[in-house]
Amino acid sequence: MLLDQLLDMMEGIQNARWQNEEQLHVTLRFIGEVDRHAAEDVAVALGAVRAAPFEICLSSVGTFLRGGKGTLWAGLTPPDALKSLHKKIDQACLRAGIAADTRAYHPHITLARIGRETGPLEPFLERWAALSSQAFPVDSIRLYESHLSSDGASYTTVAGYALG
């Protein structure tokens, strides 16, 4: 099972802040902090997103680093299906009055948060360089609300939408 595969990987880097099972997800579009009315507009706009279900696989590991802090992630393939869905969701957010996402979209699942105190990453990156998995279906999307705490983010599902 994919979740077990991800959880089994998450070790071996000193002081990495590993995600827990409930935190593992694929972000298709980060919206940021919005008021209740904007959130309701986004929820309605996402209901109009149309995309066929597809399958993806784990395909790599890597990092996003800036100023000594960042993210350790597992990549996903094929990226085109996820990038197309990201674009449709971004367009829905624009219709709801949310500014366009100007960052390049790189489909991934965050495994850990890393900082200056984190141990060496190279052994982990080398060990999992050939990461792969069985294909798993993407047949729905969810709108989440996140709550930040000292233990990291927790997520509450606001709405779900079937693809197809």
N, C-alpha and C. Protein backbone atom coordinates (compact mmCIF):
# COMPACT_ATOMS: atom_id res chain seq x y z
N MET A 1 0.84 -1.18 0.00
CA MET A 1 0.00 0.00 0.00
C MET A 1 0.89 1.25 0.00
N LEU A 2 0.47 2.25 -0.74
CA LEU A 2 1.26 3.46 -0.92
C LEU A 2 1.58 4.15 0.40
N LEU A 3 0.58 4.28 1.25
CA LEU A 3 0.78 4.96 2.53
C LEU A 3 1.85 4.25 3.35
N ASP A 4 1.80 2.93 3.40
CA ASP A 4 2.81 2.17 4.14
C ASP A 4 4.20 2.39 3.55
N GLN A 5 4.29 2.44 2.22
CA GLN A 5 5.57 2.66 1.55
C GLN A 5 6.14 4.03 1.96
N LEU A 6 5.31 5.04 1.97
CA LEU A 6 5.78 6.37 2.36
C LEU A 6 6.20 6.40 3.82
N LEU A 7 5.39 5.83 4.70
CA LEU A 7 5.71 5.83 6.13
C LEU A 7 6.99 5.05 6.41
N ASP A 8 7.23 3.97 5.68
CA ASP A 8 8.45 3.17 5.87
C ASP A 8 9.71 3.93 5.46
N MET A 9 9.58 4.88 4.57
CA MET A 9 10.72 5.68 4.12
C MET A 9 11.15 6.72 5.14
N MET A 10 10.25 7.12 5.98
CA MET A 10 10.41 8.33 6.77
C MET A 10 11.23 8.10 8.03
N GLU A 11 12.55 7.98 7.82
CA GLU A 11 13.50 7.80 8.91
C GLU A 11 14.90 8.03 8.39
N GLY A 12 15.83 8.15 9.31
CA GLY A 12 17.23 8.18 8.92
C GLY A 12 17.84 9.55 8.72
N ILE A 13 17.11 10.62 9.03
CA ILE A 13 17.68 11.96 8.94
C ILE A 13 17.49 12.62 10.29
N GLN A 14 18.60 12.87 10.96
CA GLN A 14 18.55 13.47 12.29
C GLN A 14 17.87 14.83 12.25
N ASN A 15 16.94 15.06 13.18
CA ASN A 15 16.23 16.33 13.36
C ASN A 15 15.32 16.72 12.22
N ALA A 16 15.02 15.79 11.32
CA ALA A 16 13.99 16.06 10.31
C ALA A 16 12.64 16.03 11.02
N ARG A 17 11.75 16.91 10.65
CA ARG A 17 10.39 16.90 11.21
C ARG A 17 9.50 16.16 10.22
N TRP A 18 9.38 14.84 10.44
CA TRP A 18 8.64 13.97 9.54
C TRP A 18 7.14 14.25 9.64
N GLN A 19 6.47 14.18 8.53
CA GLN A 19 5.03 14.30 8.49
C GLN A 19 4.42 13.06 9.15
N ASN A 20 3.25 13.19 9.71
CA ASN A 20 2.56 12.01 10.19
C ASN A 20 1.58 11.54 9.12
N GLU A 21 0.97 10.41 9.36
CA GLU A 21 0.07 9.80 8.37
C GLU A 21 -1.01 10.76 7.90
N GLU A 22 -1.58 11.53 8.81
CA GLU A 22 -2.68 12.43 8.46
C GLU A 22 -2.20 13.65 7.66
N GLN A 23 -0.92 13.93 7.68
CA GLN A 23 -0.39 15.10 6.97
C GLN A 23 0.03 14.79 5.53
N LEU A 24 0.10 13.53 5.16
CA LEU A 24 0.55 13.17 3.82
C LEU A 24 -0.54 13.44 2.79
N HIS A 25 -0.21 14.24 1.79
CA HIS A 25 -1.16 14.59 0.74
C HIS A 25 -0.42 15.19 -0.45
N VAL A 26 -1.12 15.32 -1.55
CA VAL A 26 -0.62 16.02 -2.73
C VAL A 26 -1.32 17.37 -2.78
N THR A 27 -0.57 18.45 -2.71
CA THR A 27 -1.16 19.77 -2.84
C THR A 27 -1.31 20.10 -4.32
N LEU A 28 -2.54 20.34 -4.73
CA LEU A 28 -2.79 20.73 -6.12
C LEU A 28 -2.79 22.24 -6.28
N ARG A 29 -3.16 22.96 -5.22
CA ARG A 29 -3.15 24.43 -5.26
C ARG A 29 -3.19 24.94 -3.83
N PHE A 30 -2.19 25.72 -3.45
CA PHE A 30 -2.19 26.35 -2.13
C PHE A 30 -2.96 27.65 -2.26
N ILE A 31 -3.94 27.85 -1.41
CA ILE A 31 -4.78 29.04 -1.49
C ILE A 31 -4.35 30.09 -0.48
N GLY A 32 -3.91 29.67 0.69
CA GLY A 32 -3.51 30.63 1.70
C GLY A 32 -4.69 31.03 2.56
N GLU A 33 -4.46 32.02 3.40
CA GLU A 33 -5.49 32.46 4.33
C GLU A 33 -6.52 33.32 3.60
N VAL A 34 -7.77 32.93 3.71
CA VAL A 34 -8.87 33.69 3.11
C VAL A 34 -10.02 33.77 4.11
N ASP A 35 -10.89 34.76 3.92
CA ASP A 35 -12.04 34.86 4.81
C ASP A 35 -13.10 33.82 4.41
N ARG A 36 -14.12 33.71 5.23
CA ARG A 36 -15.15 32.68 5.05
C ARG A 36 -15.84 32.80 3.69
N HIS A 37 -16.15 34.03 3.26
CA HIS A 37 -16.84 34.22 1.99
C HIS A 37 -15.97 33.78 0.81
N ALA A 38 -14.70 34.12 0.85
CA ALA A 38 -13.79 33.69 -0.21
C ALA A 38 -13.66 32.18 -0.22
N ALA A 39 -13.60 31.56 0.96
CA ALA A 39 -13.50 30.10 1.04
C ALA A 39 -14.75 29.45 0.44
N GLU A 40 -15.90 30.02 0.71
CA GLU A 40 -17.14 29.48 0.14
C GLU A 40 -17.15 29.65 -1.38
N ASP A 41 -16.63 30.77 -1.89
CA ASP A 41 -16.55 30.98 -3.33
C ASP A 41 -15.61 29.95 -3.97
N VAL A 42 -14.49 29.67 -3.31
CA VAL A 42 -13.56 28.66 -3.82
C VAL A 42 -14.24 27.29 -3.83
N ALA A 43 -14.94 26.96 -2.78
CA ALA A 43 -15.62 25.66 -2.71
C ALA A 43 -16.61 25.50 -3.86
N VAL A 44 -17.36 26.54 -4.16
CA VAL A 44 -18.31 26.49 -5.28
C VAL A 44 -17.56 26.38 -6.61
N ALA A 45 -16.52 27.17 -6.79
CA ALA A 45 -15.76 27.16 -8.05
C ALA A 45 -15.11 25.80 -8.30
N LEU A 46 -14.64 25.14 -7.26
CA LEU A 46 -14.03 23.82 -7.43
C LEU A 46 -15.04 22.79 -7.90
N GLY A 47 -16.30 22.99 -7.56
CA GLY A 47 -17.34 22.09 -8.02
C GLY A 47 -17.51 22.08 -9.53
N ALA A 48 -17.02 23.11 -10.20
CA ALA A 48 -17.11 23.21 -11.66
C ALA A 48 -15.89 22.62 -12.37
N VAL A 49 -14.88 22.20 -11.63
CA VAL A 49 -13.66 21.65 -12.25
C VAL A 49 -13.99 20.28 -12.85
N ARG A 50 -13.64 20.09 -14.10
CA ARG A 50 -13.88 18.83 -14.78
C ARG A 50 -12.54 18.25 -15.24
N ALA A 51 -12.31 17.00 -14.87
CA ALA A 51 -11.11 16.29 -15.29
C ALA A 51 -11.40 14.80 -15.19
N ALA A 52 -10.82 14.04 -16.08
CA ALA A 52 -10.98 12.60 -16.05
C ALA A 52 -10.08 12.01 -14.96
N PRO A 53 -10.52 10.95 -14.30
CA PRO A 53 -9.64 10.27 -13.34
C PRO A 53 -8.37 9.78 -14.06
N PHE A 54 -7.31 9.62 -13.30
CA PHE A 54 -6.05 9.14 -13.86
C PHE A 54 -5.27 8.42 -12.78
N GLU A 55 -4.14 7.85 -13.14
CA GLU A 55 -3.29 7.17 -12.17
C GLU A 55 -1.92 7.84 -12.12
N ILE A 56 -1.32 7.80 -10.94
CA ILE A 56 0.03 8.33 -10.75
C ILE A 56 0.84 7.34 -9.93
N CYS A 57 2.15 7.53 -9.93
CA CYS A 57 3.09 6.69 -9.18
C CYS A 57 4.11 7.57 -8.49
N LEU A 58 4.68 7.05 -7.40
CA LEU A 58 5.85 7.69 -6.81
C LEU A 58 7.00 7.53 -7.78
N SER A 59 7.87 8.55 -7.87
CA SER A 59 8.91 8.46 -8.90
C SER A 59 10.27 8.99 -8.51
N SER A 60 10.41 9.67 -7.40
CA SER A 60 11.70 10.29 -7.09
C SER A 60 11.65 10.85 -5.68
N VAL A 61 12.77 11.35 -5.23
CA VAL A 61 12.82 12.13 -4.00
C VAL A 61 13.63 13.38 -4.28
N GLY A 62 13.41 14.40 -3.49
CA GLY A 62 14.16 15.63 -3.68
C GLY A 62 13.88 16.60 -2.56
N THR A 63 14.40 17.80 -2.71
CA THR A 63 14.23 18.84 -1.69
C THR A 63 13.89 20.16 -2.35
N PHE A 64 13.18 20.97 -1.61
CA PHE A 64 13.02 22.39 -1.90
C PHE A 64 13.72 23.08 -0.74
N LEU A 65 14.79 23.82 -1.01
CA LEU A 65 15.54 24.49 0.04
C LEU A 65 15.65 25.98 -0.24
N ARG A 66 15.53 26.76 0.82
CA ARG A 66 15.73 28.20 0.73
C ARG A 66 16.24 28.67 2.08
N GLY A 67 17.41 29.26 2.08
CA GLY A 67 17.97 29.80 3.31
C GLY A 67 18.21 28.76 4.39
N GLY A 68 18.56 27.55 3.99
CA GLY A 68 18.86 26.50 4.96
C GLY A 68 17.65 25.76 5.49
N LYS A 69 16.45 26.16 5.08
CA LYS A 69 15.22 25.48 5.49
C LYS A 69 14.49 24.99 4.26
N GLY A 70 13.61 24.00 4.47
CA GLY A 70 12.85 23.55 3.32
C GLY A 70 12.08 22.28 3.57
N THR A 71 11.90 21.55 2.48
CA THR A 71 11.04 20.39 2.44
C THR A 71 11.75 19.23 1.76
N LEU A 72 11.57 18.05 2.30
CA LEU A 72 12.00 16.80 1.68
C LEU A 72 10.74 16.16 1.12
N TRP A 73 10.77 15.75 -0.16
CA TRP A 73 9.55 15.28 -0.80
C TRP A 73 9.75 14.02 -1.62
N ALA A 74 8.62 13.36 -1.90
CA ALA A 74 8.55 12.26 -2.86
C ALA A 74 7.84 12.78 -4.09
N GLY A 75 8.45 12.60 -5.25
CA GLY A 75 7.87 13.09 -6.49
C GLY A 75 6.85 12.13 -7.07
N LEU A 76 6.07 12.65 -8.02
CA LEU A 76 4.99 11.89 -8.62
C LEU A 76 5.08 11.93 -10.13
N THR A 77 4.67 10.85 -10.78
CA THR A 77 4.67 10.77 -12.23
C THR A 77 3.40 10.06 -12.68
N PRO A 78 2.81 10.34 -13.82
CA PRO A 78 3.25 11.38 -14.76
C PRO A 78 2.85 12.76 -14.26
N PRO A 79 3.75 13.71 -14.36
CA PRO A 79 3.43 15.04 -13.84
C PRO A 79 2.39 15.79 -14.68
N ASP A 80 2.27 15.45 -15.97
CA ASP A 80 1.38 16.21 -16.84
C ASP A 80 -0.08 16.17 -16.38
N ALA A 81 -0.55 15.01 -15.95
CA ALA A 81 -1.94 14.90 -15.50
C ALA A 81 -2.17 15.78 -14.27
N LEU A 82 -1.23 15.78 -13.35
CA LEU A 82 -1.35 16.61 -12.15
C LEU A 82 -1.20 18.09 -12.50
N LYS A 83 -0.31 18.41 -13.39
CA LYS A 83 -0.13 19.81 -13.80
C LYS A 83 -1.38 20.34 -14.50
N SER A 84 -2.03 19.51 -15.30
CA SER A 84 -3.27 19.92 -15.96
C SER A 84 -4.36 20.16 -14.93
N LEU A 85 -4.47 19.27 -13.95
CA LEU A 85 -5.47 19.44 -12.90
C LEU A 85 -5.16 20.69 -12.07
N HIS A 86 -3.88 20.92 -11.78
CA HIS A 86 -3.47 22.13 -11.06
C HIS A 86 -3.92 23.39 -11.81
N LYS A 87 -3.72 23.39 -13.12
CA LYS A 87 -4.10 24.55 -13.93
C LYS A 87 -5.61 24.78 -13.86
N LYS A 88 -6.40 23.71 -13.95
CA LYS A 88 -7.86 23.85 -13.88
C LYS A 88 -8.29 24.37 -12.50
N ILE A 89 -7.63 23.90 -11.46
CA ILE A 89 -7.96 24.37 -10.11
C ILE A 89 -7.54 25.83 -9.95
N ASP A 90 -6.39 26.18 -10.50
CA ASP A 90 -5.95 27.57 -10.44
C ASP A 90 -6.94 28.49 -11.15
N GLN A 91 -7.45 28.05 -12.30
CA GLN A 91 -8.45 28.85 -13.03
C GLN A 91 -9.73 28.99 -12.21
N ALA A 92 -10.14 27.92 -11.53
CA ALA A 92 -11.32 27.99 -10.67
C ALA A 92 -11.09 28.99 -9.53
N CYS A 93 -9.89 28.98 -8.97
CA CYS A 93 -9.57 29.94 -7.90
C CYS A 93 -9.61 31.36 -8.42
N LEU A 94 -9.12 31.58 -9.63
CA LEU A 94 -9.19 32.92 -10.24
C LEU A 94 -10.63 33.38 -10.36
N ARG A 95 -11.52 32.47 -10.80
CA ARG A 95 -12.94 32.82 -10.92
C ARG A 95 -13.54 33.16 -9.57
N ALA A 96 -12.96 32.59 -8.51
CA ALA A 96 -13.45 32.86 -7.15
C ALA A 96 -12.79 34.09 -6.53
N GLY A 97 -11.93 34.76 -7.29
CA GLY A 97 -11.30 35.97 -6.80
C GLY A 97 -9.98 35.77 -6.08
N ILE A 98 -9.40 34.59 -6.18
CA ILE A 98 -8.10 34.30 -5.56
C ILE A 98 -7.01 34.55 -6.61
N ALA A 99 -5.96 35.25 -6.25
CA ALA A 99 -4.88 35.57 -7.18
C ALA A 99 -4.26 34.29 -7.75
N ALA A 100 -3.77 34.40 -8.97
CA ALA A 100 -3.13 33.26 -9.65
C ALA A 100 -1.91 32.80 -8.87
N ASP A 101 -1.63 31.51 -8.96
CA ASP A 101 -0.43 30.93 -8.37
C ASP A 101 0.70 31.14 -9.37
N THR A 102 1.69 31.93 -9.03
CA THR A 102 2.76 32.26 -9.97
C THR A 102 3.97 31.33 -9.86
N ARG A 103 3.96 30.45 -8.86
CA ARG A 103 5.08 29.53 -8.70
C ARG A 103 4.93 28.35 -9.66
N ALA A 104 6.06 27.80 -10.10
CA ALA A 104 6.03 26.60 -10.92
C ALA A 104 5.45 25.47 -10.07
N TYR A 105 4.61 24.64 -10.67
CA TYR A 105 3.99 23.54 -9.95
C TYR A 105 4.84 22.28 -10.12
N HIS A 106 5.26 21.70 -9.01
CA HIS A 106 6.04 20.47 -9.00
C HIS A 106 5.29 19.45 -8.15
N PRO A 107 4.60 18.48 -8.78
CA PRO A 107 3.80 17.51 -8.03
C PRO A 107 4.65 16.69 -7.06
N HIS A 108 4.24 16.67 -5.79
CA HIS A 108 5.01 15.95 -4.78
C HIS A 108 4.17 15.70 -3.54
N ILE A 109 4.70 14.85 -2.68
CA ILE A 109 4.15 14.61 -1.36
C ILE A 109 5.24 14.98 -0.36
N THR A 110 4.97 15.93 0.51
CA THR A 110 5.95 16.34 1.51
C THR A 110 6.15 15.22 2.52
N LEU A 111 7.41 14.83 2.72
CA LEU A 111 7.75 13.81 3.70
C LEU A 111 8.22 14.41 5.01
N ALA A 112 8.99 15.50 4.93
CA ALA A 112 9.56 16.10 6.14
C ALA A 112 9.86 17.56 5.92
N ARG A 113 9.89 18.30 7.01
CA ARG A 113 10.38 19.68 7.03
C ARG A 113 11.82 19.59 7.53
N ILE A 114 12.69 20.34 6.89
CA ILE A 114 14.10 20.30 7.24
C ILE A 114 14.61 21.71 7.49
N GLY A 115 15.63 21.79 8.34
CA GLY A 115 16.21 23.07 8.69
C GLY A 115 17.71 22.96 8.84
N ARG A 116 18.31 24.03 9.34
CA ARG A 116 19.77 24.06 9.50
C ARG A 116 20.28 22.98 10.46
N GLU A 117 19.44 22.60 11.42
CA GLU A 117 19.84 21.59 12.41
C GLU A 117 19.65 20.16 11.91
N THR A 118 19.08 20.01 10.71
CA THR A 118 18.82 18.68 10.15
C THR A 118 20.14 18.03 9.73
N GLY A 119 20.22 16.73 9.98
CA GLY A 119 21.40 15.97 9.59
C GLY A 119 21.55 15.88 8.07
N PRO A 120 22.60 15.20 7.61
CA PRO A 120 22.86 15.10 6.17
C PRO A 120 21.70 14.45 5.42
N LEU A 121 21.37 15.03 4.27
CA LEU A 121 20.28 14.52 3.43
C LEU A 121 20.76 13.53 2.38
N GLU A 122 22.02 13.61 2.00
CA GLU A 122 22.53 12.83 0.88
C GLU A 122 22.31 11.33 1.02
N PRO A 123 22.55 10.72 2.20
CA PRO A 123 22.30 9.28 2.29
C PRO A 123 20.84 8.91 1.99
N PHE A 124 19.90 9.70 2.49
CA PHE A 124 18.48 9.45 2.23
C PHE A 124 18.19 9.60 0.73
N LEU A 125 18.68 10.70 0.14
CA LEU A 125 18.42 10.96 -1.27
C LEU A 125 19.02 9.87 -2.15
N GLU A 126 20.20 9.38 -1.80
CA GLU A 126 20.82 8.30 -2.56
C GLU A 126 20.05 7.00 -2.39
N ARG A 127 19.64 6.70 -1.17
CA ARG A 127 18.92 5.44 -0.90
C ARG A 127 17.62 5.37 -1.68
N TRP A 128 16.91 6.50 -1.79
CA TRP A 128 15.60 6.49 -2.40
C TRP A 128 15.58 7.10 -3.81
N ALA A 129 16.75 7.26 -4.43
CA ALA A 129 16.83 7.90 -5.76
C ALA A 129 15.99 7.18 -6.81
N ALA A 130 15.87 5.87 -6.69
CA ALA A 130 15.10 5.09 -7.67
C ALA A 130 13.69 4.78 -7.16
N LEU A 131 13.17 5.61 -6.29
CA LEU A 131 11.84 5.40 -5.73
C LEU A 131 10.81 5.17 -6.83
N SER A 132 9.98 4.17 -6.61
CA SER A 132 8.85 3.92 -7.51
C SER A 132 7.76 3.23 -6.71
N SER A 133 6.59 3.18 -7.27
CA SER A 133 5.48 2.51 -6.61
C SER A 133 4.54 1.96 -7.66
N GLN A 134 3.59 1.16 -7.18
CA GLN A 134 2.51 0.76 -8.07
C GLN A 134 1.66 2.01 -8.34
N ALA A 135 0.98 2.01 -9.46
CA ALA A 135 0.10 3.12 -9.79
C ALA A 135 -1.06 3.17 -8.80
N PHE A 136 -1.46 4.40 -8.47
CA PHE A 136 -2.64 4.55 -7.62
C PHE A 136 -3.57 5.58 -8.26
N PRO A 137 -4.88 5.38 -8.07
CA PRO A 137 -5.84 6.22 -8.78
C PRO A 137 -6.02 7.59 -8.15
N VAL A 138 -6.24 8.57 -9.00
CA VAL A 138 -6.66 9.89 -8.57
C VAL A 138 -8.06 10.06 -9.17
N ASP A 139 -9.07 9.92 -8.32
CA ASP A 139 -10.44 9.98 -8.82
C ASP A 139 -11.28 11.02 -8.09
N SER A 140 -10.62 11.78 -7.22
CA SER A 140 -11.31 12.87 -6.53
C SER A 140 -10.28 13.87 -6.02
N ILE A 141 -10.78 15.05 -5.70
CA ILE A 141 -9.95 16.08 -5.06
C ILE A 141 -10.70 16.56 -3.82
N ARG A 142 -9.96 17.16 -2.91
CA ARG A 142 -10.56 17.68 -1.69
C ARG A 142 -10.05 19.09 -1.42
N LEU A 143 -10.94 19.88 -0.86
CA LEU A 143 -10.57 21.20 -0.36
C LEU A 143 -10.34 21.04 1.13
N TYR A 144 -9.14 21.43 1.58
CA TYR A 144 -8.79 21.31 2.99
C TYR A 144 -8.63 22.68 3.63
N GLU A 145 -8.90 22.70 4.90
CA GLU A 145 -8.56 23.84 5.74
C GLU A 145 -7.42 23.38 6.64
N SER A 146 -6.37 24.17 6.74
CA SER A 146 -5.24 23.77 7.58
C SER A 146 -5.20 24.61 8.85
N HIS A 147 -4.70 23.97 9.89
CA HIS A 147 -4.53 24.62 11.19
C HIS A 147 -3.09 24.38 11.62
N LEU A 148 -2.35 25.45 11.84
CA LEU A 148 -0.94 25.32 12.21
C LEU A 148 -0.79 25.27 13.73
N SER A 149 0.14 24.42 14.17
CA SER A 149 0.47 24.33 15.59
C SER A 149 1.96 24.01 15.69
N SER A 150 2.45 23.90 16.90
CA SER A 150 3.87 23.57 17.08
C SER A 150 4.19 22.16 16.58
N ASP A 151 3.17 21.32 16.42
CA ASP A 151 3.36 19.96 15.90
C ASP A 151 3.24 19.90 14.38
N GLY A 152 3.06 21.04 13.75
CA GLY A 152 2.88 21.08 12.31
C GLY A 152 1.43 21.35 11.95
N ALA A 153 1.10 21.15 10.70
CA ALA A 153 -0.25 21.42 10.22
C ALA A 153 -1.16 20.22 10.45
N SER A 154 -2.41 20.53 10.75
CA SER A 154 -3.45 19.51 10.73
C SER A 154 -4.47 19.97 9.70
N TYR A 155 -5.13 19.01 9.08
CA TYR A 155 -6.01 19.32 7.97
C TYR A 155 -7.42 18.80 8.22
N THR A 156 -8.39 19.63 7.85
CA THR A 156 -9.79 19.27 7.95
C THR A 156 -10.39 19.36 6.55
N THR A 157 -11.07 18.31 6.11
CA THR A 157 -11.71 18.34 4.80
C THR A 157 -12.92 19.27 4.84
N VAL A 158 -12.95 20.23 3.93
CA VAL A 158 -14.06 21.17 3.79
C VAL A 158 -15.07 20.63 2.78
N ALA A 159 -14.56 20.10 1.66
CA ALA A 159 -15.43 19.57 0.62
C ALA A 159 -14.64 18.58 -0.24
N GLY A 160 -15.35 17.64 -0.85
CA GLY A 160 -14.74 16.68 -1.77
C GLY A 160 -15.46 16.74 -3.10
N TYR A 161 -14.71 16.44 -4.17
CA TYR A 161 -15.23 16.53 -5.53
C TYR A 161 -14.74 15.32 -6.32
N ALA A 162 -15.67 14.60 -6.93
CA ALA A 162 -15.30 13.45 -7.76
C ALA A 162 -14.81 13.94 -9.12
N LEU A 163 -13.81 13.27 -9.67
CA LEU A 163 -13.37 13.54 -11.03
C LEU A 163 -14.16 12.64 -11.97
N GLY A 164 -14.28 13.10 -13.19
CA GLY A 164 -14.96 12.26 -14.18
C GLY A 164 -16.26 12.83 -14.66
